[in-house]
Amino acid sequence: MPFNKGENPHHPGPGSCIVVEPIRQKSAIKRIKKLLEDNPRDYCIFVTGINTAYRAKELLSLKVGQIRDLAPGDTINVKTKTKKYRRVALNSTVIEAVQNLLKTKKFDDDDYLFQSQRGENRPIRVDTLSYYVKSWCKNAGLKGNFASHTLRKTWGYWQRIENNTPIPILMRAFGHATQQQTLTYLCIQEQEINDIYMQLEL
């Protein structure tokens, strides 16, 4: 057991919480890709996660038949946790990673794309994905709190920081109820507020 009872830092105590962070450095993203380049499954999980707004459960629910014949710009419908379907367009980076994964063995259309290593047609579990993400970030030299949500938070963070994608659009992509929820989720509100003080001198 890695921690004594009550000491696990990944489980917040009463009245506190742990905020899962996005990957804020492009160089770290490149390092993680480099670390995973010899593991097509994990590379594909990482690339698909940071290039879409999928929740971990949605990401891991993908089946081969949904994605095998798609080209860049094609869309895929995924059932969300609210039982609704959300259409997501896949870019060339994701499609290339998927095709490289599909070359590693014979997949049937009903197979999960991201299978566990148990030798059965079962998807990776969300808690297992969180463990993987923590390990990838640690091995890339990152410090902070990282888990499965890091993947889609990274997508949203860079959409906002680099593309200046409006919050209402990100709110819809994430399936959030309010813009405030999206700002808090992306961990950038305080940073942006600090920035506006420095951008104007009267």
N, C-alpha and C. Protein backbone atom coordinates (compact mmCIF):
# COMPACT_ATOMS: atom_id res chain seq x y z
N MET A 1 0.85 -1.20 0.00
CA MET A 1 0.00 0.00 0.00
C MET A 1 0.88 1.24 0.00
N PRO A 2 0.79 2.12 -1.00
CA PRO A 2 1.70 3.24 -1.12
C PRO A 2 1.51 4.32 -0.08
N PHE A 3 0.31 4.45 0.50
CA PHE A 3 0.04 5.48 1.49
C PHE A 3 -0.64 4.84 2.70
N ASN A 4 -0.42 5.42 3.86
CA ASN A 4 -1.16 5.00 5.03
C ASN A 4 -2.61 5.47 4.91
N LYS A 5 -3.48 4.83 5.65
CA LYS A 5 -4.89 5.18 5.59
C LYS A 5 -5.08 6.67 5.90
N GLY A 6 -5.79 7.35 5.01
CA GLY A 6 -6.06 8.77 5.21
C GLY A 6 -4.98 9.69 4.69
N GLU A 7 -3.91 9.12 4.14
CA GLU A 7 -2.79 9.94 3.68
C GLU A 7 -2.68 10.03 2.16
N ASN A 8 -3.54 9.36 1.44
CA ASN A 8 -3.45 9.39 -0.01
C ASN A 8 -3.72 10.81 -0.52
N PRO A 9 -2.74 11.47 -1.12
CA PRO A 9 -2.92 12.85 -1.56
C PRO A 9 -3.89 13.00 -2.72
N HIS A 10 -4.25 11.89 -3.35
CA HIS A 10 -5.17 11.96 -4.47
C HIS A 10 -6.63 11.91 -4.03
N HIS A 11 -6.86 11.79 -2.73
CA HIS A 11 -8.21 11.83 -2.19
C HIS A 11 -8.28 12.99 -1.20
N PRO A 12 -8.92 14.11 -1.57
CA PRO A 12 -8.96 15.28 -0.70
C PRO A 12 -9.74 15.02 0.58
N GLY A 13 -9.36 15.71 1.61
CA GLY A 13 -10.06 15.61 2.87
C GLY A 13 -11.34 16.40 2.85
N PRO A 14 -12.12 16.32 3.92
CA PRO A 14 -13.39 17.05 3.98
C PRO A 14 -13.17 18.55 3.78
N GLY A 15 -14.00 19.16 2.94
CA GLY A 15 -13.92 20.60 2.72
C GLY A 15 -12.83 21.04 1.77
N SER A 16 -12.09 20.09 1.18
CA SER A 16 -11.03 20.46 0.25
C SER A 16 -11.22 19.69 -1.06
N CYS A 17 -10.46 20.08 -2.07
CA CYS A 17 -10.56 19.39 -3.35
C CYS A 17 -9.22 19.46 -4.06
N ILE A 18 -9.05 18.56 -5.02
CA ILE A 18 -7.86 18.57 -5.85
C ILE A 18 -8.29 18.93 -7.26
N VAL A 19 -7.68 19.95 -7.81
CA VAL A 19 -8.00 20.39 -9.16
C VAL A 19 -7.08 19.67 -10.15
N VAL A 20 -7.68 18.95 -11.07
CA VAL A 20 -6.90 18.28 -12.11
C VAL A 20 -6.52 19.32 -13.15
N GLU A 21 -5.27 19.34 -13.54
CA GLU A 21 -4.74 20.39 -14.39
C GLU A 21 -4.61 19.97 -15.85
N PRO A 22 -4.67 20.96 -16.75
CA PRO A 22 -4.31 20.69 -18.15
C PRO A 22 -2.79 20.69 -18.30
N ILE A 23 -2.32 20.27 -19.44
CA ILE A 23 -0.89 20.37 -19.75
C ILE A 23 -0.68 21.72 -20.42
N ARG A 24 0.02 22.60 -19.76
CA ARG A 24 0.14 23.99 -20.19
C ARG A 24 1.38 24.26 -21.04
N GLN A 25 2.18 23.26 -21.29
CA GLN A 25 3.41 23.45 -22.05
C GLN A 25 3.37 22.59 -23.32
N LYS A 26 3.52 23.23 -24.48
CA LYS A 26 3.57 22.47 -25.72
C LYS A 26 4.77 21.52 -25.72
N SER A 27 5.86 21.95 -25.11
CA SER A 27 7.06 21.10 -25.06
C SER A 27 6.78 19.82 -24.28
N ALA A 28 5.95 19.90 -23.25
CA ALA A 28 5.61 18.70 -22.47
C ALA A 28 4.74 17.76 -23.29
N ILE A 29 3.84 18.30 -24.09
CA ILE A 29 3.02 17.47 -24.97
C ILE A 29 3.93 16.71 -25.94
N LYS A 30 4.90 17.40 -26.48
CA LYS A 30 5.84 16.75 -27.40
C LYS A 30 6.65 15.66 -26.70
N ARG A 31 7.05 15.92 -25.46
CA ARG A 31 7.81 14.91 -24.72
C ARG A 31 6.98 13.66 -24.46
N ILE A 32 5.71 13.85 -24.10
CA ILE A 32 4.84 12.70 -23.85
C ILE A 32 4.63 11.91 -25.14
N LYS A 33 4.41 12.60 -26.25
CA LYS A 33 4.28 11.89 -27.53
C LYS A 33 5.52 11.07 -27.84
N LYS A 34 6.67 11.65 -27.55
CA LYS A 34 7.93 10.94 -27.80
C LYS A 34 8.04 9.70 -26.91
N LEU A 35 7.63 9.83 -25.66
CA LEU A 35 7.68 8.71 -24.73
C LEU A 35 6.75 7.57 -25.17
N LEU A 36 5.65 7.91 -25.83
CA LEU A 36 4.63 6.92 -26.18
C LEU A 36 4.71 6.43 -27.62
N GLU A 37 5.67 6.92 -28.39
CA GLU A 37 5.68 6.62 -29.82
C GLU A 37 5.85 5.14 -30.13
N ASP A 38 6.40 4.35 -29.20
CA ASP A 38 6.55 2.91 -29.43
C ASP A 38 5.38 2.11 -28.87
N ASN A 39 4.37 2.80 -28.35
CA ASN A 39 3.18 2.14 -27.81
C ASN A 39 1.95 2.71 -28.52
N PRO A 40 1.56 2.12 -29.66
CA PRO A 40 0.48 2.71 -30.48
C PRO A 40 -0.83 2.92 -29.74
N ARG A 41 -1.18 2.01 -28.83
CA ARG A 41 -2.44 2.17 -28.10
C ARG A 41 -2.40 3.40 -27.20
N ASP A 42 -1.36 3.51 -26.37
CA ASP A 42 -1.28 4.64 -25.44
C ASP A 42 -1.07 5.96 -26.17
N TYR A 43 -0.30 5.92 -27.25
CA TYR A 43 -0.10 7.13 -28.05
C TYR A 43 -1.44 7.60 -28.62
N CYS A 44 -2.23 6.66 -29.10
CA CYS A 44 -3.53 7.00 -29.69
C CYS A 44 -4.49 7.54 -28.63
N ILE A 45 -4.47 6.96 -27.44
CA ILE A 45 -5.31 7.47 -26.35
C ILE A 45 -4.94 8.92 -26.05
N PHE A 46 -3.65 9.16 -25.90
CA PHE A 46 -3.19 10.50 -25.55
C PHE A 46 -3.56 11.50 -26.64
N VAL A 47 -3.25 11.17 -27.88
CA VAL A 47 -3.50 12.09 -28.99
C VAL A 47 -5.00 12.34 -29.17
N THR A 48 -5.81 11.30 -29.08
CA THR A 48 -7.25 11.48 -29.22
C THR A 48 -7.80 12.30 -28.07
N GLY A 49 -7.30 12.04 -26.88
CA GLY A 49 -7.78 12.77 -25.70
C GLY A 49 -7.50 14.26 -25.75
N ILE A 50 -6.29 14.64 -26.20
CA ILE A 50 -5.93 16.06 -26.20
C ILE A 50 -6.39 16.78 -27.46
N ASN A 51 -6.98 16.06 -28.40
CA ASN A 51 -7.49 16.68 -29.63
C ASN A 51 -9.01 16.66 -29.71
N THR A 52 -9.66 16.26 -28.64
CA THR A 52 -11.13 16.24 -28.60
C THR A 52 -11.59 16.72 -27.23
N ALA A 53 -12.89 16.87 -27.10
CA ALA A 53 -13.47 17.25 -25.80
C ALA A 53 -14.10 16.05 -25.12
N TYR A 54 -13.64 14.85 -25.44
CA TYR A 54 -14.21 13.64 -24.85
C TYR A 54 -13.92 13.55 -23.36
N ARG A 55 -14.94 13.16 -22.59
CA ARG A 55 -14.69 12.71 -21.23
C ARG A 55 -14.00 11.36 -21.31
N ALA A 56 -13.35 10.97 -20.21
CA ALA A 56 -12.60 9.72 -20.23
C ALA A 56 -13.49 8.53 -20.60
N LYS A 57 -14.67 8.47 -20.02
CA LYS A 57 -15.56 7.34 -20.29
C LYS A 57 -15.98 7.32 -21.75
N GLU A 58 -16.21 8.51 -22.34
CA GLU A 58 -16.57 8.60 -23.75
C GLU A 58 -15.42 8.15 -24.63
N LEU A 59 -14.22 8.61 -24.28
CA LEU A 59 -13.02 8.25 -25.03
C LEU A 59 -12.83 6.74 -25.05
N LEU A 60 -12.97 6.13 -23.87
CA LEU A 60 -12.72 4.70 -23.75
C LEU A 60 -13.86 3.84 -24.30
N SER A 61 -15.00 4.46 -24.59
CA SER A 61 -16.14 3.71 -25.14
C SER A 61 -16.05 3.55 -26.66
N LEU A 62 -15.09 4.21 -27.29
CA LEU A 62 -14.99 4.17 -28.75
C LEU A 62 -14.77 2.73 -29.24
N LYS A 63 -15.49 2.37 -30.30
CA LYS A 63 -15.31 1.06 -30.91
C LYS A 63 -14.74 1.21 -32.31
N VAL A 64 -14.06 0.19 -32.75
CA VAL A 64 -13.32 0.24 -34.00
C VAL A 64 -14.22 0.58 -35.17
N GLY A 65 -15.42 -0.01 -35.20
CA GLY A 65 -16.33 0.23 -36.32
C GLY A 65 -16.78 1.67 -36.45
N GLN A 66 -16.73 2.43 -35.35
CA GLN A 66 -17.13 3.83 -35.38
C GLN A 66 -16.10 4.72 -36.08
N ILE A 67 -14.87 4.25 -36.13
CA ILE A 67 -13.78 5.15 -36.48
C ILE A 67 -12.85 4.62 -37.56
N ARG A 68 -12.95 3.33 -37.87
CA ARG A 68 -12.00 2.68 -38.77
C ARG A 68 -11.87 3.38 -40.12
N ASP A 69 -13.00 3.76 -40.72
CA ASP A 69 -13.00 4.28 -42.09
C ASP A 69 -13.09 5.80 -42.17
N LEU A 70 -12.88 6.48 -41.07
CA LEU A 70 -13.01 7.94 -41.07
C LEU A 70 -11.76 8.61 -41.64
N ALA A 71 -11.98 9.77 -42.24
CA ALA A 71 -10.89 10.60 -42.76
C ALA A 71 -10.88 11.90 -41.96
N PRO A 72 -9.77 12.65 -42.01
CA PRO A 72 -9.73 13.94 -41.30
C PRO A 72 -10.92 14.83 -41.67
N GLY A 73 -11.55 15.37 -40.65
CA GLY A 73 -12.72 16.22 -40.86
C GLY A 73 -14.03 15.47 -40.71
N ASP A 74 -13.99 14.14 -40.77
CA ASP A 74 -15.21 13.36 -40.54
C ASP A 74 -15.60 13.45 -39.07
N THR A 75 -16.87 13.22 -38.82
CA THR A 75 -17.37 13.34 -37.45
C THR A 75 -17.83 12.00 -36.90
N ILE A 76 -17.91 11.96 -35.59
CA ILE A 76 -18.33 10.75 -34.90
C ILE A 76 -19.30 11.14 -33.79
N ASN A 77 -20.35 10.35 -33.62
CA ASN A 77 -21.32 10.59 -32.56
C ASN A 77 -20.98 9.72 -31.35
N VAL A 78 -20.86 10.34 -30.20
CA VAL A 78 -20.54 9.62 -28.97
C VAL A 78 -21.61 9.91 -27.93
N LYS A 79 -22.06 8.88 -27.25
CA LYS A 79 -23.07 9.04 -26.20
C LYS A 79 -22.41 9.62 -24.96
N THR A 80 -22.96 10.69 -24.42
CA THR A 80 -22.39 11.37 -23.26
C THR A 80 -22.98 10.81 -21.98
N LYS A 81 -22.46 11.32 -20.85
CA LYS A 81 -22.95 10.82 -19.56
C LYS A 81 -24.39 11.27 -19.29
N THR A 82 -24.86 12.27 -20.04
CA THR A 82 -26.24 12.72 -19.90
C THR A 82 -27.18 11.98 -20.85
N LYS A 83 -26.65 10.91 -21.49
CA LYS A 83 -27.42 10.04 -22.39
C LYS A 83 -27.75 10.71 -23.73
N LYS A 84 -27.13 11.87 -23.98
CA LYS A 84 -27.31 12.52 -25.27
C LYS A 84 -26.13 12.18 -26.17
N TYR A 85 -26.29 12.45 -27.46
CA TYR A 85 -25.20 12.19 -28.40
C TYR A 85 -24.56 13.52 -28.79
N ARG A 86 -23.23 13.54 -28.83
CA ARG A 86 -22.50 14.74 -29.21
C ARG A 86 -21.59 14.42 -30.39
N ARG A 87 -21.68 15.24 -31.43
CA ARG A 87 -20.91 15.01 -32.65
C ARG A 87 -19.57 15.72 -32.53
N VAL A 88 -18.48 14.99 -32.80
CA VAL A 88 -17.12 15.54 -32.69
C VAL A 88 -16.39 15.28 -34.01
N ALA A 89 -15.72 16.30 -34.53
CA ALA A 89 -14.90 16.14 -35.74
C ALA A 89 -13.49 15.72 -35.34
N LEU A 90 -12.91 14.81 -36.10
CA LEU A 90 -11.57 14.29 -35.79
C LEU A 90 -10.56 14.87 -36.77
N ASN A 91 -9.45 15.37 -36.23
CA ASN A 91 -8.43 15.97 -37.09
C ASN A 91 -7.45 14.91 -37.61
N SER A 92 -6.52 15.34 -38.44
CA SER A 92 -5.60 14.40 -39.09
C SER A 92 -4.68 13.71 -38.10
N THR A 93 -4.32 14.40 -37.01
CA THR A 93 -3.45 13.80 -36.00
C THR A 93 -4.12 12.59 -35.35
N VAL A 94 -5.41 12.73 -35.05
CA VAL A 94 -6.16 11.62 -34.44
C VAL A 94 -6.30 10.48 -35.44
N ILE A 95 -6.70 10.78 -36.67
CA ILE A 95 -6.91 9.74 -37.67
C ILE A 95 -5.62 8.96 -37.92
N GLU A 96 -4.49 9.65 -37.99
CA GLU A 96 -3.21 8.97 -38.22
C GLU A 96 -2.88 8.05 -37.05
N ALA A 97 -3.12 8.51 -35.82
CA ALA A 97 -2.84 7.69 -34.64
C ALA A 97 -3.74 6.46 -34.62
N VAL A 98 -5.01 6.62 -34.98
CA VAL A 98 -5.95 5.50 -35.02
C VAL A 98 -5.50 4.46 -36.06
N GLN A 99 -5.13 4.92 -37.23
CA GLN A 99 -4.72 3.99 -38.29
C GLN A 99 -3.45 3.23 -37.90
N ASN A 100 -2.53 3.90 -37.23
CA ASN A 100 -1.31 3.23 -36.76
C ASN A 100 -1.65 2.16 -35.72
N LEU A 101 -2.62 2.46 -34.85
CA LEU A 101 -3.05 1.46 -33.86
C LEU A 101 -3.71 0.26 -34.54
N LEU A 102 -4.54 0.51 -35.54
CA LEU A 102 -5.26 -0.57 -36.21
C LEU A 102 -4.34 -1.49 -37.01
N LYS A 103 -3.13 -1.03 -37.30
CA LYS A 103 -2.16 -1.86 -38.00
C LYS A 103 -1.46 -2.87 -37.09
N THR A 104 -1.63 -2.72 -35.78
CA THR A 104 -0.87 -3.56 -34.85
C THR A 104 -1.43 -4.97 -34.72
N LYS A 105 -2.71 -5.16 -35.03
CA LYS A 105 -3.32 -6.49 -34.96
C LYS A 105 -4.66 -6.44 -35.68
N LYS A 106 -5.33 -7.59 -35.75
CA LYS A 106 -6.65 -7.65 -36.40
C LYS A 106 -7.71 -7.18 -35.41
N PHE A 107 -8.47 -6.18 -35.79
CA PHE A 107 -9.57 -5.67 -34.98
C PHE A 107 -10.88 -5.94 -35.69
N ASP A 108 -11.88 -6.39 -34.95
CA ASP A 108 -13.24 -6.47 -35.45
C ASP A 108 -13.95 -5.15 -35.17
N ASP A 109 -14.99 -4.86 -35.95
CA ASP A 109 -15.69 -3.59 -35.79
C ASP A 109 -16.27 -3.42 -34.39
N ASP A 110 -16.63 -4.51 -33.73
CA ASP A 110 -17.24 -4.42 -32.40
C ASP A 110 -16.21 -4.36 -31.28
N ASP A 111 -14.94 -4.41 -31.62
CA ASP A 111 -13.89 -4.33 -30.61
C ASP A 111 -13.76 -2.91 -30.08
N TYR A 112 -13.47 -2.80 -28.79
CA TYR A 112 -13.12 -1.49 -28.26
C TYR A 112 -11.78 -1.06 -28.84
N LEU A 113 -11.67 0.21 -29.16
CA LEU A 113 -10.44 0.72 -29.73
C LEU A 113 -9.30 0.67 -28.73
N PHE A 114 -9.60 1.03 -27.49
CA PHE A 114 -8.58 1.07 -26.44
C PHE A 114 -8.82 -0.07 -25.45
N GLN A 115 -8.32 -1.24 -25.80
CA GLN A 115 -8.58 -2.45 -25.02
C GLN A 115 -7.63 -2.56 -23.84
N SER A 116 -8.15 -3.16 -22.77
CA SER A 116 -7.29 -3.48 -21.63
C SER A 116 -6.33 -4.58 -22.04
N GLN A 117 -5.37 -4.85 -21.20
CA GLN A 117 -4.35 -5.85 -21.51
C GLN A 117 -4.71 -7.23 -20.95
N ARG A 118 -5.98 -7.45 -20.66
CA ARG A 118 -6.42 -8.72 -20.09
C ARG A 118 -6.67 -9.78 -21.15
N GLY A 119 -6.55 -9.40 -22.42
CA GLY A 119 -6.80 -10.35 -23.47
C GLY A 119 -8.26 -10.54 -23.80
N GLU A 120 -9.09 -9.63 -23.29
CA GLU A 120 -10.52 -9.69 -23.55
C GLU A 120 -10.93 -8.40 -24.25
N ASN A 121 -12.11 -8.42 -24.87
CA ASN A 121 -12.61 -7.20 -25.51
C ASN A 121 -13.26 -6.31 -24.46
N ARG A 122 -12.40 -5.76 -23.61
CA ARG A 122 -12.86 -4.82 -22.59
C ARG A 122 -12.06 -3.52 -22.73
N PRO A 123 -12.73 -2.38 -22.50
CA PRO A 123 -11.98 -1.12 -22.59
C PRO A 123 -11.13 -0.91 -21.34
N ILE A 124 -10.12 -0.08 -21.47
CA ILE A 124 -9.37 0.37 -20.30
C ILE A 124 -10.33 1.05 -19.35
N ARG A 125 -10.12 0.88 -18.05
CA ARG A 125 -10.96 1.54 -17.05
C ARG A 125 -10.52 2.99 -16.87
N VAL A 126 -11.46 3.82 -16.43
CA VAL A 126 -11.16 5.24 -16.24
C VAL A 126 -10.06 5.44 -15.20
N ASP A 127 -10.10 4.68 -14.11
CA ASP A 127 -9.06 4.85 -13.09
C ASP A 127 -7.69 4.40 -13.61
N THR A 128 -7.69 3.41 -14.50
CA THR A 128 -6.44 2.99 -15.11
C THR A 128 -5.90 4.09 -16.03
N LEU A 129 -6.78 4.73 -16.78
CA LEU A 129 -6.36 5.83 -17.63
C LEU A 129 -5.79 6.96 -16.79
N SER A 130 -6.41 7.26 -15.66
CA SER A 130 -5.89 8.30 -14.78
C SER A 130 -4.47 7.96 -14.32
N TYR A 131 -4.25 6.69 -13.99
CA TYR A 131 -2.91 6.25 -13.59
C TYR A 131 -1.91 6.47 -14.73
N TYR A 132 -2.33 6.11 -15.94
CA TYR A 132 -1.45 6.29 -17.10
C TYR A 132 -1.09 7.77 -17.28
N VAL A 133 -2.11 8.63 -17.22
CA VAL A 133 -1.86 10.07 -17.45
C VAL A 133 -0.92 10.62 -16.39
N LYS A 134 -1.13 10.24 -15.13
CA LYS A 134 -0.22 10.67 -14.07
C LYS A 134 1.22 10.25 -14.39
N SER A 135 1.38 9.00 -14.84
CA SER A 135 2.71 8.47 -15.14
C SER A 135 3.34 9.21 -16.32
N TRP A 136 2.53 9.43 -17.38
CA TRP A 136 3.07 10.13 -18.56
C TRP A 136 3.55 11.52 -18.19
N CYS A 137 2.74 12.23 -17.42
CA CYS A 137 3.10 13.60 -17.05
C CYS A 137 4.33 13.61 -16.15
N LYS A 138 4.39 12.67 -15.23
CA LYS A 138 5.56 12.59 -14.34
C LYS A 138 6.81 12.29 -15.15
N ASN A 139 6.73 11.34 -16.07
CA ASN A 139 7.89 10.98 -16.88
C ASN A 139 8.32 12.09 -17.82
N ALA A 140 7.38 13.01 -18.12
CA ALA A 140 7.71 14.16 -18.96
C ALA A 140 8.25 15.33 -18.14
N GLY A 141 8.38 15.12 -16.83
CA GLY A 141 8.95 16.15 -15.97
C GLY A 141 7.97 17.16 -15.45
N LEU A 142 6.67 16.86 -15.54
CA LEU A 142 5.66 17.80 -15.06
C LEU A 142 5.34 17.57 -13.59
N LYS A 143 5.09 18.65 -12.88
CA LYS A 143 4.66 18.57 -11.49
C LYS A 143 3.27 19.17 -11.39
N GLY A 144 2.42 18.51 -10.61
CA GLY A 144 1.05 18.98 -10.47
C GLY A 144 0.09 17.81 -10.35
N ASN A 145 -1.17 18.10 -10.41
CA ASN A 145 -2.22 17.09 -10.29
C ASN A 145 -2.78 16.76 -11.66
N PHE A 146 -2.51 15.56 -12.12
CA PHE A 146 -2.93 15.14 -13.45
C PHE A 146 -3.72 13.84 -13.36
N ALA A 147 -4.71 13.70 -14.22
CA ALA A 147 -5.54 12.50 -14.25
C ALA A 147 -6.23 12.44 -15.61
N SER A 148 -7.23 11.59 -15.74
CA SER A 148 -7.87 11.40 -17.05
C SER A 148 -8.46 12.71 -17.58
N HIS A 149 -9.00 13.56 -16.70
CA HIS A 149 -9.57 14.83 -17.14
C HIS A 149 -8.52 15.76 -17.74
N THR A 150 -7.25 15.51 -17.44
CA THR A 150 -6.18 16.33 -18.01
C THR A 150 -6.24 16.35 -19.53
N LEU A 151 -6.63 15.25 -20.14
CA LEU A 151 -6.61 15.16 -21.59
C LEU A 151 -7.56 16.17 -22.21
N ARG A 152 -8.83 16.16 -21.82
CA ARG A 152 -9.76 17.08 -22.44
C ARG A 152 -9.59 18.50 -21.94
N LYS A 153 -9.07 18.64 -20.70
CA LYS A 153 -8.75 19.99 -20.22
C LYS A 153 -7.63 20.60 -21.06
N THR A 154 -6.69 19.78 -21.47
CA THR A 154 -5.60 20.27 -22.31
C THR A 154 -6.14 20.78 -23.64
N TRP A 155 -7.07 20.03 -24.24
CA TRP A 155 -7.70 20.47 -25.48
C TRP A 155 -8.36 21.83 -25.29
N GLY A 156 -9.16 21.97 -24.25
CA GLY A 156 -9.87 23.22 -24.01
C GLY A 156 -8.94 24.37 -23.67
N TYR A 157 -7.91 24.08 -22.89
CA TYR A 157 -6.95 25.11 -22.49
C TYR A 157 -6.28 25.72 -23.72
N TRP A 158 -5.81 24.87 -24.63
CA TRP A 158 -5.12 25.38 -25.80
C TRP A 158 -6.07 25.98 -26.82
N GLN A 159 -7.31 25.50 -26.87
CA GLN A 159 -8.31 26.15 -27.71
C GLN A 159 -8.50 27.60 -27.27
N ARG A 160 -8.54 27.80 -25.96
CA ARG A 160 -8.77 29.14 -25.41
C ARG A 160 -7.52 30.02 -25.51
N ILE A 161 -6.36 29.46 -25.12
CA ILE A 161 -5.14 30.25 -25.06
C ILE A 161 -4.58 30.56 -26.45
N GLU A 162 -4.57 29.56 -27.33
CA GLU A 162 -3.93 29.72 -28.63
C GLU A 162 -4.90 30.18 -29.71
N ASN A 163 -6.11 29.65 -29.71
CA ASN A 163 -7.08 29.97 -30.76
C ASN A 163 -8.09 31.03 -30.33
N ASN A 164 -8.05 31.38 -29.03
CA ASN A 164 -9.01 32.35 -28.48
C ASN A 164 -10.45 31.93 -28.78
N THR A 165 -10.70 30.62 -28.70
CA THR A 165 -12.05 30.10 -28.92
C THR A 165 -13.00 30.66 -27.86
N PRO A 166 -14.12 31.23 -28.26
CA PRO A 166 -15.05 31.82 -27.29
C PRO A 166 -15.54 30.80 -26.26
N ILE A 167 -15.71 31.29 -25.05
CA ILE A 167 -16.16 30.42 -23.96
C ILE A 167 -17.51 29.76 -24.26
N PRO A 168 -18.50 30.45 -24.86
CA PRO A 168 -19.77 29.76 -25.16
C PRO A 168 -19.60 28.55 -26.07
N ILE A 169 -18.64 28.62 -27.01
CA ILE A 169 -18.40 27.47 -27.89
C ILE A 169 -17.75 26.34 -27.11
N LEU A 170 -16.79 26.67 -26.26
CA LEU A 170 -16.15 25.64 -25.44
C LEU A 170 -17.16 25.03 -24.47
N MET A 171 -18.03 25.86 -23.92
CA MET A 171 -19.07 25.37 -23.01
C MET A 171 -19.91 24.30 -23.70
N ARG A 172 -20.28 24.56 -24.95
CA ARG A 172 -21.10 23.59 -25.69
C ARG A 172 -20.29 22.32 -25.98
N ALA A 173 -19.02 22.50 -26.37
CA ALA A 173 -18.18 21.33 -26.67
C ALA A 173 -18.00 20.44 -25.44
N PHE A 174 -17.85 21.06 -24.29
CA PHE A 174 -17.66 20.30 -23.06
C PHE A 174 -18.97 19.74 -22.51
N GLY A 175 -20.10 20.29 -22.93
CA GLY A 175 -21.37 19.87 -22.37
C GLY A 175 -21.63 20.48 -21.00
N HIS A 176 -21.05 21.66 -20.76
CA HIS A 176 -21.24 22.34 -19.47
C HIS A 176 -22.54 23.13 -19.46
N ALA A 177 -23.03 23.41 -18.25
CA ALA A 177 -24.30 24.13 -18.11
C ALA A 177 -24.11 25.64 -18.13
N THR A 178 -22.93 26.13 -17.70
CA THR A 178 -22.70 27.57 -17.62
C THR A 178 -21.29 27.91 -18.10
N GLN A 179 -21.10 29.18 -18.48
CA GLN A 179 -19.78 29.64 -18.87
C GLN A 179 -18.83 29.64 -17.67
N GLN A 180 -19.33 29.95 -16.50
CA GLN A 180 -18.49 29.94 -15.30
C GLN A 180 -17.93 28.55 -15.05
N GLN A 181 -18.74 27.53 -15.27
CA GLN A 181 -18.27 26.16 -15.10
C GLN A 181 -17.11 25.87 -16.05
N THR A 182 -17.20 26.37 -17.27
CA THR A 182 -16.12 26.15 -18.25
C THR A 182 -14.86 26.90 -17.85
N LEU A 183 -15.00 28.16 -17.42
CA LEU A 183 -13.83 28.94 -16.99
C LEU A 183 -13.12 28.25 -15.83
N THR A 184 -13.89 27.78 -14.86
CA THR A 184 -13.30 27.09 -13.71
C THR A 184 -12.64 25.79 -14.14
N TYR A 185 -13.29 25.08 -15.03
CA TYR A 185 -12.78 23.79 -15.51
C TYR A 185 -11.43 23.94 -16.19
N LEU A 186 -11.25 25.03 -16.95
CA LEU A 186 -10.03 25.23 -17.71
C LEU A 186 -8.90 25.83 -16.90
N CYS A 187 -9.15 26.18 -15.65
CA CYS A 187 -8.10 26.66 -14.75
C CYS A 187 -7.41 27.93 -15.29
N ILE A 188 -8.16 28.78 -15.98
CA ILE A 188 -7.51 29.95 -16.57
C ILE A 188 -8.15 31.27 -16.16
N GLN A 189 -9.21 31.26 -15.38
CA GLN A 189 -9.90 32.50 -15.08
C GLN A 189 -9.00 33.49 -14.34
N GLU A 190 -8.33 33.04 -13.27
CA GLU A 190 -7.49 33.95 -12.50
C GLU A 190 -6.36 34.50 -13.35
N GLN A 191 -5.78 33.66 -14.19
CA GLN A 191 -4.70 34.09 -15.08
C GLN A 191 -5.18 35.20 -16.01
N GLU A 192 -6.38 35.03 -16.59
CA GLU A 192 -6.90 36.03 -17.51
C GLU A 192 -7.23 37.33 -16.79
N ILE A 193 -7.75 37.23 -15.59
CA ILE A 193 -8.05 38.44 -14.83
C ILE A 193 -6.76 39.20 -14.51
N ASN A 194 -5.71 38.48 -14.12
CA ASN A 194 -4.44 39.14 -13.86
C ASN A 194 -3.90 39.81 -15.12
N ASP A 195 -4.07 39.14 -16.26
CA ASP A 195 -3.55 39.68 -17.53
C ASP A 195 -4.21 40.99 -17.91
N ILE A 196 -5.53 41.14 -17.67
CA ILE A 196 -6.19 42.36 -18.12
C ILE A 196 -5.70 43.58 -17.35
N TYR A 197 -5.23 43.38 -16.12
CA TYR A 197 -4.68 44.51 -15.37
C TYR A 197 -3.38 45.02 -16.01
N MET A 198 -2.64 44.10 -16.64
CA MET A 198 -1.37 44.47 -17.23
C MET A 198 -1.49 44.97 -18.66
N GLN A 199 -2.65 44.75 -19.29
CA GLN A 199 -2.82 45.09 -20.70
C GLN A 199 -3.25 46.54 -20.91
N LEU A 200 -3.65 47.23 -19.85
CA LEU A 200 -4.15 48.60 -20.01
C LEU A 200 -3.53 49.48 -18.94
N GLU A 201 -2.92 50.57 -19.38
CA GLU A 201 -2.38 51.58 -18.47
C GLU A 201 -2.98 52.92 -18.86
N LEU A 202 -3.73 53.54 -17.97
CA LEU A 202 -4.42 54.81 -18.27
C LEU A 202 -3.62 56.01 -17.74
